[in-house]
Structure formats: C-alpha cells, structure tokens
Protein backbone atom coordinates (compact mmCIF):
# COMPACT_ATOMS: atom_id res chain seq x y z
CA MET A 1 -24.15 11.71 67.44
CA PHE A 2 -21.14 13.71 66.50
CA VAL A 3 -19.06 10.53 65.95
CA VAL A 4 -21.74 9.01 63.75
CA GLU A 5 -21.90 12.15 61.59
CA LYS A 6 -18.10 12.18 61.27
CA ASN A 7 -18.03 8.50 60.24
CA LYS A 8 -20.85 9.12 57.76
CA ARG A 9 -18.94 12.00 56.14
CA LEU A 10 -15.76 9.94 56.02
CA SER A 11 -17.68 7.09 54.46
CA ILE A 12 -19.10 9.42 51.80
CA ILE A 13 -15.65 10.87 51.03
CA VAL A 14 -14.12 7.39 50.70
CA SER A 15 -16.94 6.15 48.47
CA GLU A 16 -16.66 9.27 46.26
CA PHE A 17 -12.90 8.76 46.04
CA LEU A 18 -13.37 5.09 45.07
CA LEU A 19 -15.97 6.09 42.49
CA ALA A 20 -13.52 8.61 41.00
CA VAL A 21 -10.79 5.94 40.90
CA LEU A 22 -13.18 3.53 39.15
CA ILE A 23 -14.18 6.21 36.61
CA ILE A 24 -10.52 6.99 35.88
CA ALA A 25 -9.67 3.29 35.57
CA GLY A 26 -12.65 2.76 33.26
CA PHE A 27 -11.58 5.72 31.15
CA ALA A 28 -8.01 4.34 30.97
CA ILE A 29 -9.34 0.95 29.84
CA LEU A 30 -11.53 2.65 27.24
CA VAL A 31 -8.57 4.66 25.89
CA ALA A 32 -6.44 1.51 25.74
CA ALA A 33 -9.20 -0.29 23.85
CA ILE A 34 -9.50 2.58 21.39
CA PHE A 35 -5.75 2.54 20.77
CA GLU A 36 -5.89 -1.22 20.20
CA ILE A 37 -8.73 -0.75 17.71
CA PHE A 38 -6.74 1.94 15.90
CA SER A 39 -3.75 -0.36 15.87
CA TRP A 40 -5.79 -3.09 14.20
CA ILE A 41 -7.25 -0.63 11.69
CA GLU A 42 -3.72 0.59 10.87
CA ARG A 43 -2.55 -3.00 10.30
CA ILE A 44 -5.51 -3.72 8.03
CA PHE A 45 -4.89 -0.56 5.97
CA LYS A 46 -1.19 -1.40 5.66
CA LEU A 47 -2.05 -4.88 4.38
CA ILE A 48 -4.53 -3.44 1.89
CA ILE A 49 -2.04 -0.82 0.69
CA ARG A 50 0.74 -3.41 0.34
CA ARG A 51 -1.61 -5.61 -1.68
CA ILE A 52 -2.70 -2.73 -3.92
CA PHE A 53 0.85 -1.52 -4.59
CA LYS A 54 2.13 -5.07 -5.03
CA ASP A 55 -0.44 -5.59 -7.78
CA TYR A 56 0.27 -2.09 -9.14
CA ASP A 57 3.99 -2.83 -9.29
CA LYS A 58 3.30 -6.04 -11.21
CA ILE A 59 1.11 -4.16 -13.69
CA GLU A 60 3.68 -1.39 -14.04
CA GLU A 61 6.50 -3.92 -14.58
CA SER A 62 4.54 -5.76 -17.27
CA GLU A 63 3.70 -2.46 -19.00
CA ASN A 64 7.38 -1.48 -18.91
CA ILE A 65 8.35 -4.80 -20.48
CA VAL A 66 5.85 -4.31 -23.30
CA ILE A 67 7.03 -0.74 -23.90
CA GLU A 68 10.68 -1.84 -23.92
CA ASP A 69 9.90 -4.68 -26.33
CA GLU A 70 8.02 -2.31 -28.65
CA THR A 71 10.86 0.22 -28.46
CA ASP A 72 13.42 -2.47 -29.28
CA MET A 73 11.21 -3.69 -32.11
CA PHE A 74 10.88 -0.20 -33.62
CA GLU A 75 14.61 0.45 -33.24
CA GLU A 76 15.40 -2.81 -34.98
CA LEU A 77 12.98 -2.03 -37.81
CA GLU A 78 14.51 1.42 -38.14
CA ARG A 79 17.99 -0.08 -38.31
CA PHE A 80 17.00 -2.51 -41.06
CA SER A 81 15.23 0.29 -42.93
CA GLU A 82 18.45 2.32 -42.87
CA LEU A 83 20.42 -0.70 -44.13
CA LYS A 84 17.91 -1.10 -46.96
CA ASN A 85 18.04 2.63 -47.83
CA LYS A 86 21.86 2.51 -47.93
CA GLY A 87 21.70 -0.49 -50.27
CA ILE A 88 23.39 -2.84 -47.79
CA ILE A 89 20.42 -5.25 -47.79
CA THR A 90 17.79 -5.87 -50.46
CA GLU A 91 14.07 -5.15 -50.28
CA GLU A 92 13.42 -8.89 -49.90
CA GLU A 93 15.85 -9.19 -46.99
CA PHE A 94 14.25 -6.16 -45.34
CA GLU A 95 10.72 -7.64 -45.72
CA LYS A 96 11.95 -10.95 -44.33
CA GLU A 97 13.47 -9.24 -41.25
CA LYS A 98 10.40 -7.05 -40.85
CA LYS A 99 8.11 -10.09 -40.73
CA ARG A 100 10.43 -11.78 -38.23
CA ILE A 101 10.48 -8.73 -35.97
CA LEU A 102 6.72 -8.14 -36.10
CA ASN A 103 5.94 -11.79 -35.37
CA GLN A 104 7.98 -11.86 -32.16
C-alpha cells in the first residue's frame, strides 16, 4: 500500500507541474498575441497619421502658395502706386498694370 500511495502522490505532483507549465505557456501565448495586436494597431495608426499629415501638408502648401501670390500681388501694386505717385508712370499706365496684376 505504501508504494501505491507514493506513486499516487508522485503522479499528482507531476500532473500539477504539467498543469502549471501549460498555464504558463498559455499565458505566454496570450501575451504574444496581445503584443501582435498592439503592433497591428500601431501600424494602422501610423498609416492614418501619415495620411492625415500628408493631406495636411498639401493643404498647407497650397495655402502658402496663395498667400505668397497675394503678397507678391500687393507688393507689385504698391510698387506701381509709388511709381504713379512719383510721376514716373501715368494714371492710365497704373490702371493698366493694376488690371493685369488683379487678373492673374
């Protein structure tokens, strides 16, 4: 009887050990799966952010172009106004240049 009891206890210890190993392995697989999910989420967010900022950069560039064009236009009008005020060009020449600049 003593041998049977000893084998029974050993069997219980081994099965508990194997159960613990399986639980740890399952937990490790779960953690790996969670990291993989986070990795995919990170990739998706990076793609979304790149797309948003790519579009934002395009909008910002086009706004800068318009602002630069308007600034150049106003500077050119100012220059012709000064030429007219100094008597270097006539009122008609100024109006002609003004129409040309505003129609660009």
